[in-house]
Amino acid sequence: MTVETRRKLRLLIVVLFIISTSVAGFLWGNSREDGAIAGAIVLTGVSLLLMLAAETLITITENEIVLLTSKLRETSEELDIYKGKVTELDRTIAIMLEDNDEFRREILLEKMHELPGDAKKTDKN
């Protein structure tokens, strides 16, 4: 059952509670008749059950909210951890790219030193 459905059901139960308590109060006020006392007792019991049902729906919804808040907090903490790891990986990649460029330069310089003197001149022309 969704939260919205529970909210609508709770409102319906509260309306029924208000109606039943009003009728029960009327019956208690007119309790001189034998049937009125029995009806008042029954409606009072029904009113109590309706209020318990409404409170149960509220408690279930509150528990779900607490659970979802806890999950959200955990997910947020995990996200922060992952962000830190991504930042670390970005730094590592940047360092590796710099090292790679430096190694390429060194290899090219080494190859240039290995070239015979005539090949260096033709490369410059």
PDB file of N, CA and C in Angstrom:
ATOM      1  N   MET A   1       0.850  -1.172   0.000  1.00  0.00           N
ATOM      2  CA  MET A   1       0.000   0.000   0.000  1.00  0.00           C
ATOM      3  C   MET A   1       0.900   1.241   0.000  1.00  0.00           C
ATOM      4  N   THR A   2       0.599   2.159  -0.860  1.00  0.00           N
ATOM      5  CA  THR A   2       1.419   3.365  -0.957  1.00  0.00           C
ATOM      6  C   THR A   2       1.095   4.330   0.175  1.00  0.00           C
ATOM      7  N   VAL A   3       1.983   5.267   0.372  1.00  0.00           N
ATOM      8  CA  VAL A   3       1.789   6.277   1.420  1.00  0.00           C
ATOM      9  C   VAL A   3       0.540   7.099   1.118  1.00  0.00           C
ATOM     10  N   GLU A   4       0.346   7.430  -0.146  1.00  0.00           N
ATOM     11  CA  GLU A   4      -0.830   8.226  -0.526  1.00  0.00           C
ATOM     12  C   GLU A   4      -2.134   7.462  -0.242  1.00  0.00           C
ATOM     13  N   THR A   5      -2.148   6.172  -0.538  1.00  0.00           N
ATOM     14  CA  THR A   5      -3.335   5.353  -0.274  1.00  0.00           C
ATOM     15  C   THR A   5      -3.592   5.282   1.231  1.00  0.00           C
ATOM     16  N   ARG A   6      -2.508   5.103   1.992  1.00  0.00           N
ATOM     17  CA  ARG A   6      -2.659   5.068   3.453  1.00  0.00           C
ATOM     18  C   ARG A   6      -3.184   6.386   3.997  1.00  0.00           C
ATOM     19  N   ARG A   7      -2.725   7.492   3.423  1.00  0.00           N
ATOM     20  CA  ARG A   7      -3.183   8.805   3.876  1.00  0.00           C
ATOM     21  C   ARG A   7      -4.677   8.962   3.632  1.00  0.00           C
ATOM     22  N   LYS A   8      -5.127   8.558   2.446  1.00  0.00           N
ATOM     23  CA  LYS A   8      -6.563   8.654   2.134  1.00  0.00           C
ATOM     24  C   LYS A   8      -7.386   7.738   3.029  1.00  0.00           C
ATOM     25  N   LEU A   9      -6.882   6.531   3.268  1.00  0.00           N
ATOM     26  CA  LEU A   9      -7.583   5.593   4.147  1.00  0.00           C
ATOM     27  C   LEU A   9      -7.656   6.135   5.573  1.00  0.00           C
ATOM     28  N   ARG A  10      -6.558   6.750   6.031  1.00  0.00           N
ATOM     29  CA  ARG A  10      -6.544   7.322   7.380  1.00  0.00           C
ATOM     30  C   ARG A  10      -7.557   8.455   7.490  1.00  0.00           C
ATOM     31  N   LEU A  11      -7.641   9.304   6.457  1.00  0.00           N
ATOM     32  CA  LEU A  11      -8.632  10.386   6.478  1.00  0.00           C
ATOM     33  C   LEU A  11     -10.049   9.836   6.520  1.00  0.00           C
ATOM     34  N   LEU A  12     -10.305   8.784   5.759  1.00  0.00           N
ATOM     35  CA  LEU A  12     -11.624   8.147   5.775  1.00  0.00           C
ATOM     36  C   LEU A  12     -11.928   7.602   7.174  1.00  0.00           C
ATOM     37  N   ILE A  13     -10.944   6.956   7.773  1.00  0.00           N
ATOM     38  CA  ILE A  13     -11.135   6.391   9.114  1.00  0.00           C
ATOM     39  C   ILE A  13     -11.395   7.500  10.124  1.00  0.00           C
ATOM     40  N   VAL A  14     -10.678   8.620  10.015  1.00  0.00           N
ATOM     41  CA  VAL A  14     -10.885   9.742  10.945  1.00  0.00           C
ATOM     42  C   VAL A  14     -12.288  10.316  10.782  1.00  0.00           C
ATOM     43  N   VAL A  15     -12.758  10.442   9.544  1.00  0.00           N
ATOM     44  CA  VAL A  15     -14.127  10.940   9.312  1.00  0.00           C
ATOM     45  C   VAL A  15     -15.139   9.987   9.933  1.00  0.00           C
ATOM     46  N   LEU A  16     -14.938   8.672   9.724  1.00  0.00           N
ATOM     47  CA  LEU A  16     -15.841   7.690  10.332  1.00  0.00           C
ATOM     48  C   LEU A  16     -15.770   7.757  11.860  1.00  0.00           C
ATOM     49  N   PHE A  17     -14.593   7.996  12.401  1.00  0.00           N
ATOM     50  CA  PHE A  17     -14.423   8.125  13.841  1.00  0.00           C
ATOM     51  C   PHE A  17     -15.219   9.320  14.375  1.00  0.00           C
ATOM     52  N   ILE A  18     -15.105  10.442  13.680  1.00  0.00           N
ATOM     53  CA  ILE A  18     -15.840  11.644  14.111  1.00  0.00           C
ATOM     54  C   ILE A  18     -17.342  11.399  14.081  1.00  0.00           C
ATOM     55  N   ILE A  19     -17.818  10.754  13.021  1.00  0.00           N
ATOM     56  CA  ILE A  19     -19.253  10.468  12.910  1.00  0.00           C
ATOM     57  C   ILE A  19     -19.692   9.499  14.005  1.00  0.00           C
ATOM     58  N   SER A  20     -18.900   8.428  14.201  1.00  0.00           N
ATOM     59  CA  SER A  20     -19.307   7.423  15.193  1.00  0.00           C
ATOM     60  C   SER A  20     -19.264   7.972  16.610  1.00  0.00           C
ATOM     61  N   THR A  21     -18.299   8.831  16.915  1.00  0.00           N
ATOM     62  CA  THR A  21     -18.270   9.407  18.270  1.00  0.00           C
ATOM     63  C   THR A  21     -19.431  10.373  18.480  1.00  0.00           C
ATOM     64  N   SER A  22     -19.791  11.080  17.410  1.00  0.00           N
ATOM     65  CA  SER A  22     -20.945  11.991  17.529  1.00  0.00           C
ATOM     66  C   SER A  22     -22.228  11.208  17.795  1.00  0.00           C
ATOM     67  N   VAL A  23     -22.409  10.143  17.031  1.00  0.00           N
ATOM     68  CA  VAL A  23     -23.615   9.323  17.212  1.00  0.00           C
ATOM     69  C   VAL A  23     -23.590   8.647  18.580  1.00  0.00           C
ATOM     70  N   ALA A  24     -22.394   8.150  18.983  1.00  0.00           N
ATOM     71  CA  ALA A  24     -22.277   7.500  20.301  1.00  0.00           C
ATOM     72  C   ALA A  24     -22.597   8.502  21.404  1.00  0.00           C
ATOM     73  N   GLY A  25     -22.124   9.734  21.270  1.00  0.00           N
ATOM     74  CA  GLY A  25     -22.431  10.768  22.271  1.00  0.00           C
ATOM     75  C   GLY A  25     -23.913  11.056  22.342  1.00  0.00           C
ATOM     76  N   PHE A  26     -24.559  11.103  21.177  1.00  0.00           N
ATOM     77  CA  PHE A  26     -26.008  11.321  21.148  1.00  0.00           C
ATOM     78  C   PHE A  26     -26.738  10.178  21.858  1.00  0.00           C
ATOM     79  N   LEU A  27     -26.283   8.926  21.561  1.00  0.00           N
ATOM     80  CA  LEU A  27     -26.930   7.773  22.184  1.00  0.00           C
ATOM     81  C   LEU A  27     -26.693   7.747  23.693  1.00  0.00           C
ATOM     82  N   TRP A  28     -25.484   8.133  24.126  1.00  0.00           N
ATOM     83  CA  TRP A  28     -25.231   8.187  25.573  1.00  0.00           C
ATOM     84  C   TRP A  28     -26.118   9.250  26.229  1.00  0.00           C
ATOM     85  N   GLY A  29     -26.372  10.341  25.525  1.00  0.00           N
ATOM     86  CA  GLY A  29     -27.225  11.399  26.071  1.00  0.00           C
ATOM     87  C   GLY A  29     -28.679  10.963  26.175  1.00  0.00           C
ATOM     88  N   ASN A  30     -29.084  10.078  25.279  1.00  0.00           N
ATOM     89  CA  ASN A  30     -30.454   9.568  25.303  1.00  0.00           C
ATOM     90  C   ASN A  30     -30.471   8.131  25.814  1.00  0.00           C
ATOM     91  N   SER A  31     -29.733   7.855  26.843  1.00  0.00           N
ATOM     92  CA  SER A  31     -29.569   6.474  27.313  1.00  0.00           C
ATOM     93  C   SER A  31     -30.724   5.986  28.172  1.00  0.00           C
ATOM     94  N   ARG A  32     -31.802   6.710  28.223  1.00  0.00           N
ATOM     95  CA  ARG A  32     -32.943   6.265  29.010  1.00  0.00           C
ATOM     96  C   ARG A  32     -33.612   5.062  28.367  1.00  0.00           C
ATOM     97  N   GLU A  33     -33.424   4.938  27.054  1.00  0.00           N
ATOM     98  CA  GLU A  33     -34.012   3.799  26.359  1.00  0.00           C
ATOM     99  C   GLU A  33     -33.027   2.632  26.407  1.00  0.00           C
ATOM    100  N   ASP A  34     -33.546   1.416  26.472  1.00  0.00           N
ATOM    101  CA  ASP A  34     -32.686   0.233  26.585  1.00  0.00           C
ATOM    102  C   ASP A  34     -31.795   0.041  25.357  1.00  0.00           C
ATOM    103  N   GLY A  35     -32.323   0.230  24.187  1.00  0.00           N
ATOM    104  CA  GLY A  35     -31.559   0.033  22.952  1.00  0.00           C
ATOM    105  C   GLY A  35     -30.486   1.097  22.768  1.00  0.00           C
ATOM    106  N   ALA A  36     -30.686   2.263  23.340  1.00  0.00           N
ATOM    107  CA  ALA A  36     -29.737   3.360  23.185  1.00  0.00           C
ATOM    108  C   ALA A  36     -28.438   3.059  23.916  1.00  0.00           C
ATOM    109  N   ILE A  37     -28.525   2.420  25.082  1.00  0.00           N
ATOM    110  CA  ILE A  37     -27.309   2.094  25.846  1.00  0.00           C
ATOM    111  C   ILE A  37     -26.473   1.066  25.086  1.00  0.00           C
ATOM    112  N   ALA A  38     -27.109   0.052  24.553  1.00  0.00           N
ATOM    113  CA  ALA A  38     -26.385  -0.975  23.801  1.00  0.00           C
ATOM    114  C   ALA A  38     -25.757  -0.362  22.547  1.00  0.00           C
ATOM    115  N   GLY A  39     -26.495   0.480  21.861  1.00  0.00           N
ATOM    116  CA  GLY A  39     -25.966   1.146  20.665  1.00  0.00           C
ATOM    117  C   GLY A  39     -24.805   2.073  21.004  1.00  0.00           C
ATOM    118  N   ALA A  40     -24.916   2.772  22.134  1.00  0.00           N
ATOM    119  CA  ALA A  40     -23.845   3.671  22.564  1.00  0.00           C
ATOM    120  C   ALA A  40     -22.579   2.885  22.873  1.00  0.00           C
ATOM    121  N   ILE A  41     -22.737   1.748  23.539  1.00  0.00           N
ATOM    122  CA  ILE A  41     -21.572   0.910  23.876  1.00  0.00           C
ATOM    123  C   ILE A  41     -20.915   0.382  22.600  1.00  0.00           C
ATOM    124  N   VAL A  42     -21.739  -0.101  21.671  1.00  0.00           N
ATOM    125  CA  VAL A  42     -21.202  -0.630  20.415  1.00  0.00           C
ATOM    126  C   VAL A  42     -20.495   0.472  19.624  1.00  0.00           C
ATOM    127  N   LEU A  43     -21.113   1.622  19.493  1.00  0.00           N
ATOM    128  CA  LEU A  43     -20.498   2.720  18.736  1.00  0.00           C
ATOM    129  C   LEU A  43     -19.242   3.252  19.413  1.00  0.00           C
ATOM    130  N   THR A  44     -19.203   3.234  20.724  1.00  0.00           N
ATOM    131  CA  THR A  44     -17.995   3.643  21.436  1.00  0.00           C
ATOM    132  C   THR A  44     -16.861   2.657  21.131  1.00  0.00           C
ATOM    133  N   GLY A  45     -17.183   1.368  21.127  1.00  0.00           N
ATOM    134  CA  GLY A  45     -16.180   0.351  20.772  1.00  0.00           C
ATOM    135  C   GLY A  45     -15.705   0.501  19.340  1.00  0.00           C
ATOM    136  N   VAL A  46     -16.657   0.758  18.429  1.00  0.00           N
ATOM    137  CA  VAL A  46     -16.302   0.965  17.022  1.00  0.00           C
ATOM    138  C   VAL A  46     -15.409   2.200  16.882  1.00  0.00           C
ATOM    139  N   SER A  47     -15.731   3.253  17.620  1.00  0.00           N
ATOM    140  CA  SER A  47     -14.921   4.476  17.584  1.00  0.00           C
ATOM    141  C   SER A  47     -13.498   4.196  18.036  1.00  0.00           C
ATOM    142  N   LEU A  48     -13.355   3.422  19.107  1.00  0.00           N
ATOM    143  CA  LEU A  48     -12.016   3.073  19.591  1.00  0.00           C
ATOM    144  C   LEU A  48     -11.247   2.254  18.546  1.00  0.00           C
ATOM    145  N   LEU A  49     -11.932   1.304  17.928  1.00  0.00           N
ATOM    146  CA  LEU A  49     -11.281   0.493  16.890  1.00  0.00           C
ATOM    147  C   LEU A  49     -10.862   1.341  15.688  1.00  0.00           C
ATOM    148  N   LEU A  50     -11.704   2.296  15.308  1.00  0.00           N
ATOM    149  CA  LEU A  50     -11.361   3.178  14.197  1.00  0.00           C
ATOM    150  C   LEU A  50     -10.120   4.016  14.518  1.00  0.00           C
ATOM    151  N   MET A  51     -10.064   4.521  15.752  1.00  0.00           N
ATOM    152  CA  MET A  51      -8.905   5.322  16.135  1.00  0.00           C
ATOM    153  C   MET A  51      -7.644   4.468  16.181  1.00  0.00           C
ATOM    154  N   LEU A  52      -7.765   3.233  16.656  1.00  0.00           N
ATOM    155  CA  LEU A  52      -6.616   2.323  16.662  1.00  0.00           C
ATOM    156  C   LEU A  52      -6.146   2.029  15.235  1.00  0.00           C
ATOM    157  N   ALA A  53      -7.085   1.862  14.320  1.00  0.00           N
ATOM    158  CA  ALA A  53      -6.720   1.619  12.917  1.00  0.00           C
ATOM    159  C   ALA A  53      -5.984   2.820  12.337  1.00  0.00           C
ATOM    160  N   ALA A  54      -6.473   4.021  12.635  1.00  0.00           N
ATOM    161  CA  ALA A  54      -5.820   5.236  12.147  1.00  0.00           C
ATOM    162  C   ALA A  54      -4.410   5.353  12.718  1.00  0.00           C
ATOM    163  N   GLU A  55      -4.260   5.087  13.997  1.00  0.00           N
ATOM    164  CA  GLU A  55      -2.938   5.150  14.626  1.00  0.00           C
ATOM    165  C   GLU A  55      -1.997   4.092  14.064  1.00  0.00           C
ATOM    166  N   THR A  56      -2.536   2.923  13.746  1.00  0.00           N
ATOM    167  CA  THR A  56      -1.711   1.865  13.148  1.00  0.00           C
ATOM    168  C   THR A  56      -1.191   2.311  11.791  1.00  0.00           C
ATOM    169  N   LEU A  57      -2.051   2.917  10.974  1.00  0.00           N
ATOM    170  CA  LEU A  57      -1.615   3.422   9.678  1.00  0.00           C
ATOM    171  C   LEU A  57      -0.546   4.502   9.831  1.00  0.00           C
ATOM    172  N   ILE A  58      -0.721   5.367  10.804  1.00  0.00           N
ATOM    173  CA  ILE A  58       0.267   6.428  11.047  1.00  0.00           C
ATOM    174  C   ILE A  58       1.598   5.814  11.471  1.00  0.00           C
ATOM    175  N   THR A  59       1.552   4.836  12.353  1.00  0.00           N
ATOM    176  CA  THR A  59       2.777   4.191  12.828  1.00  0.00           C
ATOM    177  C   THR A  59       3.506   3.483  11.697  1.00  0.00           C
ATOM    178  N   ILE A  60       2.764   2.773  10.853  1.00  0.00           N
ATOM    179  CA  ILE A  60       3.376   2.083   9.712  1.00  0.00           C
ATOM    180  C   ILE A  60       4.064   3.093   8.792  1.00  0.00           C
ATOM    181  N   THR A  61       3.403   4.191   8.519  1.00  0.00           N
ATOM    182  CA  THR A  61       3.973   5.217   7.648  1.00  0.00           C
ATOM    183  C   THR A  61       5.204   5.841   8.288  1.00  0.00           C
ATOM    184  N   GLU A  62       5.135   6.142   9.587  1.00  0.00           N
ATOM    185  CA  GLU A  62       6.295   6.708  10.280  1.00  0.00           C
ATOM    186  C   GLU A  62       7.482   5.747  10.255  1.00  0.00           C
ATOM    187  N   ASN A  63       7.221   4.459  10.457  1.00  0.00           N
ATOM    188  CA  ASN A  63       8.298   3.467  10.416  1.00  0.00           C
ATOM    189  C   ASN A  63       8.938   3.411   9.031  1.00  0.00           C
ATOM    190  N   GLU A  64       8.124   3.481   7.989  1.00  0.00           N
ATOM    191  CA  GLU A  64       8.663   3.489   6.624  1.00  0.00           C
ATOM    192  C   GLU A  64       9.501   4.732   6.385  1.00  0.00           C
ATOM    193  N   ILE A  65       9.044   5.868   6.900  1.00  0.00           N
ATOM    194  CA  ILE A  65       9.802   7.108   6.734  1.00  0.00           C
ATOM    195  C   ILE A  65      11.150   7.001   7.437  1.00  0.00           C
ATOM    196  N   VAL A  66      11.165   6.455   8.653  1.00  0.00           N
ATOM    197  CA  VAL A  66      12.423   6.273   9.380  1.00  0.00           C
ATOM    198  C   VAL A  66      13.350   5.338   8.609  1.00  0.00           C
ATOM    199  N   LEU A  67      12.803   4.241   8.085  1.00  0.00           N
ATOM    200  CA  LEU A  67      13.603   3.288   7.323  1.00  0.00           C
ATOM    201  C   LEU A  67      14.169   3.932   6.057  1.00  0.00           C
ATOM    202  N   LEU A  68      13.328   4.661   5.334  1.00  0.00           N
ATOM    203  CA  LEU A  68      13.792   5.322   4.112  1.00  0.00           C
ATOM    204  C   LEU A  68      14.818   6.410   4.412  1.00  0.00           C
ATOM    205  N   THR A  69      14.631   7.121   5.518  1.00  0.00           N
ATOM    206  CA  THR A  69      15.609   8.138   5.913  1.00  0.00           C
ATOM    207  C   THR A  69      16.944   7.493   6.223  1.00  0.00           C
ATOM    208  N   SER A  70      16.903   6.357   6.904  1.00  0.00           N
ATOM    209  CA  SER A  70      18.129   5.629   7.220  1.00  0.00           C
ATOM    210  C   SER A  70      18.825   5.155   5.949  1.00  0.00           C
ATOM    211  N   LYS A  71      18.051   4.601   5.019  1.00  0.00           N
ATOM    212  CA  LYS A  71      18.623   4.150   3.750  1.00  0.00           C
ATOM    213  C   LYS A  71      19.201   5.325   2.964  1.00  0.00           C
ATOM    214  N   LEU A  72      18.506   6.450   2.985  1.00  0.00           N
ATOM    215  CA  LEU A  72      18.987   7.639   2.293  1.00  0.00           C
ATOM    216  C   LEU A  72      20.303   8.120   2.891  1.00  0.00           C
ATOM    217  N   ARG A  73      20.394   8.102   4.217  1.00  0.00           N
ATOM    218  CA  ARG A  73      21.624   8.509   4.893  1.00  0.00           C
ATOM    219  C   ARG A  73      22.777   7.571   4.515  1.00  0.00           C
ATOM    220  N   GLU A  74      22.509   6.260   4.520  1.00  0.00           N
ATOM    221  CA  GLU A  74      23.538   5.284   4.138  1.00  0.00           C
ATOM    222  C   GLU A  74      23.976   5.483   2.691  1.00  0.00           C
ATOM    223  N   THR A  75      23.014   5.693   1.816  1.00  0.00           N
ATOM    224  CA  THR A  75      23.326   5.902   0.404  1.00  0.00           C
ATOM    225  C   THR A  75      24.141   7.177   0.219  1.00  0.00           C
ATOM    226  N   SER A  76      23.808   8.212   0.967  1.00  0.00           N
ATOM    227  CA  SER A  76      24.552   9.463   0.891  1.00  0.00           C
ATOM    228  C   SER A  76      25.987   9.265   1.359  1.00  0.00           C
ATOM    229  N   GLU A  77      26.164   8.501   2.434  1.00  0.00           N
ATOM    230  CA  GLU A  77      27.514   8.219   2.921  1.00  0.00           C
ATOM    231  C   GLU A  77      28.304   7.404   1.899  1.00  0.00           C
ATOM    232  N   GLU A  78      27.646   6.414   1.292  1.00  0.00           N
ATOM    233  CA  GLU A  78      28.310   5.616   0.257  1.00  0.00           C
ATOM    234  C   GLU A  78      28.688   6.492  -0.934  1.00  0.00           C
ATOM    235  N   LEU A  79      27.812   7.412  -1.287  1.00  0.00           N
ATOM    236  CA  LEU A  79      28.089   8.317  -2.404  1.00  0.00           C
ATOM    237  C   LEU A  79      29.314   9.172  -2.100  1.00  0.00           C
ATOM    238  N   ASP A  80      29.413   9.659  -0.872  1.00  0.00           N
ATOM    239  CA  ASP A  80      30.586  10.448  -0.496  1.00  0.00           C
ATOM    240  C   ASP A  80      31.862   9.618  -0.602  1.00  0.00           C
ATOM    241  N   ILE A  81      31.785   8.349  -0.189  1.00  0.00           N
ATOM    242  CA  ILE A  81      32.943   7.456  -0.289  1.00  0.00           C
ATOM    243  C   ILE A  81      33.325   7.263  -1.752  1.00  0.00           C
ATOM    244  N   TYR A  82      32.326   7.006  -2.600  1.00  0.00           N
ATOM    245  CA  TYR A  82      32.600   6.805  -4.018  1.00  0.00           C
ATOM    246  C   TYR A  82      33.158   8.070  -4.668  1.00  0.00           C
ATOM    247  N   LYS A  83      32.654   9.233  -4.252  1.00  0.00           N
ATOM    248  CA  LYS A  83      33.190  10.486  -4.790  1.00  0.00           C
ATOM    249  C   LYS A  83      34.663  10.621  -4.435  1.00  0.00           C
ATOM    250  N   GLY A  84      35.009  10.268  -3.202  1.00  0.00           N
ATOM    251  CA  GLY A  84      36.408  10.312  -2.786  1.00  0.00           C
ATOM    252  C   GLY A  84      37.265   9.363  -3.604  1.00  0.00           C
ATOM    253  N   LYS A  85      36.744   8.172  -3.865  1.00  0.00           N
ATOM    254  CA  LYS A  85      37.485   7.200  -4.666  1.00  0.00           C
ATOM    255  C   LYS A  85      37.660   7.681  -6.101  1.00  0.00           C
ATOM    256  N   VAL A  86      36.628   8.287  -6.665  1.00  0.00           N
ATOM    257  CA  VAL A  86      36.715   8.813  -8.030  1.00  0.00           C
ATOM    258  C   VAL A  86      37.758   9.925  -8.087  1.00  0.00           C
ATOM    259  N   THR A  87      37.779  10.790  -7.087  1.00  0.00           N
ATOM    260  CA  THR A  87      38.772  11.856  -7.043  1.00  0.00           C
ATOM    261  C   THR A  87      40.178  11.278  -6.978  1.00  0.00           C
ATOM    262  N   GLU A  88      40.351  10.249  -6.147  1.00  0.00           N
ATOM    263  CA  GLU A  88      41.649   9.580  -6.057  1.00  0.00           C
ATOM    264  C   GLU A  88      42.053   8.984  -7.397  1.00  0.00           C
ATOM    265  N   LEU A  89      41.121   8.318  -8.055  1.00  0.00           N
ATOM    266  CA  LEU A  89      41.408   7.719  -9.358  1.00  0.00           C
ATOM    267  C   LEU A  89      41.746   8.784 -10.393  1.00  0.00           C
ATOM    268  N   ASP A  90      41.047   9.915 -10.360  1.00  0.00           N
ATOM    269  CA  ASP A  90      41.357  11.010 -11.282  1.00  0.00           C
ATOM    270  C   ASP A  90      42.783  11.503 -11.077  1.00  0.00           C
ATOM    271  N   ARG A  91      43.169  11.654  -9.800  1.00  0.00           N
ATOM    272  CA  ARG A  91      44.542  12.087  -9.509  1.00  0.00           C
ATOM    273  C   ARG A  91      45.548  11.062 -10.009  1.00  0.00           C
ATOM    274  N   THR A  92      45.267   9.786  -9.763  1.00  0.00           N
ATOM    275  CA  THR A  92      46.168   8.721 -10.201  1.00  0.00           C
ATOM    276  C   THR A  92      46.306   8.721 -11.720  1.00  0.00           C
ATOM    277  N   ILE A  93      45.205   8.877 -12.425  1.00  0.00           N
ATOM    278  CA  ILE A  93      45.231   8.915 -13.893  1.00  0.00           C
ATOM    279  C   ILE A  93      46.038  10.114 -14.372  1.00  0.00           C
ATOM    280  N   ALA A  94      45.842  11.263 -13.742  1.00  0.00           N
ATOM    281  CA  ALA A  94      46.589  12.456 -14.142  1.00  0.00           C
ATOM    282  C   ALA A  94      48.090  12.235 -13.949  1.00  0.00           C
ATOM    283  N   ILE A  95      48.474  11.633 -12.835  1.00  0.00           N
ATOM    284  CA  ILE A  95      49.889  11.344 -12.574  1.00  0.00           C
ATOM    285  C   ILE A  95      50.427  10.362 -13.603  1.00  0.00           C
ATOM    286  N   MET A  96      49.657   9.340 -13.910  1.00  0.00           N
ATOM    287  CA  MET A  96      50.096   8.340 -14.886  1.00  0.00           C
ATOM    288  C   MET A  96      50.235   8.954 -16.274  1.00  0.00           C
ATOM    289  N   LEU A  97      49.344   9.858 -16.650  1.00  0.00           N
ATOM    290  CA  LEU A  97      49.448  10.521 -17.946  1.00  0.00           C
ATOM    291  C   LEU A  97      50.698  11.391 -18.009  1.00  0.00           C
ATOM    292  N   GLU A  98      50.969  12.101 -16.920  1.00  0.00           N
ATOM    293  CA  GLU A  98      52.187  12.917 -16.874  1.00  0.00           C
ATOM    294  C   GLU A  98      53.425  12.034 -16.989  1.00  0.00           C
ATOM    295  N   ASP A  99      53.438  10.930 -16.234  1.00  0.00           N
ATOM    296  CA  ASP A  99      54.567   9.999 -16.300  1.00  0.00           C
ATOM    297  C   ASP A  99      54.708   9.417 -17.696  1.00  0.00           C
ATOM    298  N   ASN A 100      53.598   9.082 -18.320  1.00  0.00           N
ATOM    299  CA  ASN A 100      53.617   8.526 -19.669  1.00  0.00           C
ATOM    300  C   ASN A 100      54.225   9.521 -20.650  1.00  0.00           C
ATOM    301  N   ASP A 101      53.808  10.780 -20.558  1.00  0.00           N
ATOM    302  CA  ASP A 101      54.360  11.812 -21.438  1.00  0.00           C
ATOM    303  C   ASP A 101      55.864  11.966 -21.209  1.00  0.00           C
ATOM    304  N   GLU A 102      56.263  11.942 -19.957  1.00  0.00           N
ATOM    305  CA  GLU A 102      57.687  12.071 -19.634  1.00  0.00           C
ATOM    306  C   GLU A 102      58.479  10.887 -20.190  1.00  0.00           C
ATOM    307  N   PHE A 103      57.949   9.683 -20.041  1.00  0.00           N
ATOM    308  CA  PHE A 103      58.628   8.501 -20.577  1.00  0.00           C
ATOM    309  C   PHE A 103      58.731   8.564 -22.098  1.00  0.00           C
ATOM    310  N   ARG A 104      57.699   9.039 -22.765  1.00  0.00           N
ATOM    311  CA  ARG A 104      57.736   9.179 -24.224  1.00  0.00           C
ATOM    312  C   ARG A 104      58.831  10.157 -24.646  1.00  0.00           C
ATOM    313  N   ARG A 105      58.912  11.276 -23.934  1.00  0.00           N
ATOM    314  CA  ARG A 105      59.954  12.256 -24.241  1.00  0.00           C
ATOM    315  C   ARG A 105      61.343  11.640 -24.080  1.00  0.00           C
ATOM    316  N   GLU A 106      61.506  10.908 -22.981  1.00  0.00           N
ATOM    317  CA  GLU A 106      62.806  10.273 -22.732  1.00  0.00           C
ATOM    318  C   GLU A 106      63.141   9.255 -23.833  1.00  0.00           C
ATOM    319  N   ILE A 107      62.162   8.474 -24.243  1.00  0.00           N
ATOM    320  CA  ILE A 107      62.389   7.474 -25.302  1.00  0.00           C
ATOM    321  C   ILE A 107      62.741   8.166 -26.612  1.00  0.00           C
ATOM    322  N   LEU A 108      62.017   9.225 -26.944  1.00  0.00           N
ATOM    323  CA  LEU A 108      62.307   9.959 -28.181  1.00  0.00           C
ATOM    324  C   LEU A 108      63.696  10.568 -28.144  1.00  0.00           C
ATOM    325  N   LEU A 109      64.077  11.148 -26.998  1.00  0.00           N
ATOM    326  CA  LEU A 109      65.415  11.727 -26.867  1.00  0.00           C
ATOM    327  C   LEU A 109      66.480  10.647 -27.000  1.00  0.00           C
ATOM    328  N   GLU A 110      66.228   9.506 -26.401  1.00  0.00           N
ATOM    329  CA  GLU A 110      67.171   8.393 -26.479  1.00  0.00           C
ATOM    330  C   GLU A 110      67.330   7.918 -27.920  1.00  0.00           C
ATOM    331  N   LYS A 111      66.232   7.816 -28.642  1.00  0.00           N
ATOM    332  CA  LYS A 111      66.274   7.383 -30.038  1.00  0.00           C
ATOM    333  C   LYS A 111      66.987   8.412 -30.897  1.00  0.00           C
ATOM    334  N   MET A 112      66.815   9.675 -30.583  1.00  0.00           N
ATOM    335  CA  MET A 112      67.487  10.727 -31.343  1.00  0.00           C
ATOM    336  C   MET A 112      68.993  10.667 -31.119  1.00  0.00           C
ATOM    337  N   HIS A 113      69.428  10.331 -29.919  1.00  0.00           N
ATOM    338  CA  HIS A 113      70.861  10.214 -29.637  1.00  0.00           C
ATOM    339  C   HIS A 113      71.464   8.991 -30.322  1.00  0.00           C
ATOM    340  N   GLU A 114      70.636   7.981 -30.561  1.00  0.00           N
ATOM    341  CA  GLU A 114      71.128   6.766 -31.209  1.00  0.00           C
ATOM    342  C   GLU A 114      71.269   6.924 -32.721  1.00  0.00           C
ATOM    343  N   LEU A 115      70.601   7.908 -33.298  1.00  0.00           N
ATOM    344  CA  LEU A 115      70.663   8.118 -34.744  1.00  0.00           C
ATOM    345  C   LEU A 115      72.069   8.540 -35.153  1.00  0.00           C
ATOM    346  N   PRO A 116      72.527   8.052 -36.325  1.00  0.00           N
ATOM    347  CA  PRO A 116      73.831   8.500 -36.825  1.00  0.00           C
ATOM    348  C   PRO A 116      73.809   9.999 -37.123  1.00  0.00           C
ATOM    349  N   GLY A 117      74.965  10.613 -37.184  1.00  0.00           N
ATOM    350  CA  GLY A 117      75.081  12.055 -37.404  1.00  0.00           C
ATOM    351  C   GLY A 117      74.435  12.520 -38.675  1.00  0.00           C
ATOM    352  N   ASP A 118      74.510  11.749 -39.769  1.00  0.00           N
ATOM    353  CA  ASP A 118      73.909  12.150 -41.037  1.00  0.00           C
ATOM    354  C   ASP A 118      72.392  12.128 -40.975  1.00  0.00           C
ATOM    355  N   ALA A 119      71.845  11.168 -40.252  1.00  0.00           N
ATOM    356  CA  ALA A 119      70.390  11.057 -40.157  1.00  0.00           C
ATOM    357  C   ALA A 119      69.816  12.250 -39.399  1.00  0.00           C
ATOM    358  N   LYS A 120      70.579  12.756 -38.413  1.00  0.00           N
ATOM    359  CA  LYS A 120      70.102  13.916 -37.655  1.00  0.00           C
ATOM    360  C   LYS A 120      70.014  15.133 -38.556  1.00  0.00           C
ATOM    361  N   LYS A 121      71.018  15.257 -39.458  1.00  0.00           N
ATOM    362  CA  LYS A 121      71.021  16.421 -40.358  1.00  0.00           C
ATOM    363  C   LYS A 121      69.875  16.359 -41.330  1.00  0.00           C
ATOM    364  N   THR A 122      69.578  15.161 -41.857  1.00  0.00           N
ATOM    365  CA  THR A 122      68.488  15.051 -42.812  1.00  0.00           C
ATOM    366  C   THR A 122      67.143  15.274 -42.126  1.00  0.00           C
ATOM    367  N   ASP A 123      67.043  14.891 -40.858  1.00  0.00           N
ATOM    368  CA  ASP A 123      65.800  15.124 -40.137  1.00  0.00           C
ATOM    369  C   ASP A 123      65.555  16.617 -39.941  1.00  0.00           C
ATOM    370  N   LYS A 124      66.646  17.372 -39.781  1.00  0.00           N
ATOM    371  CA  LYS A 124      66.478  18.808 -39.539  1.00  0.00           C
ATOM    372  C   LYS A 124      66.111  19.541 -40.822  1.00  0.00           C
ATOM    373  N   ASN A 125      66.514  19.015 -41.991  1.00  0.00           N
ATOM    374  CA  ASN A 125      66.239  19.677 -43.276  1.00  0.00           C
ATOM    375  C   ASN A 125      64.872  19.382 -43.695  1.00  0.00           C
TER     376      ASN A 125
END
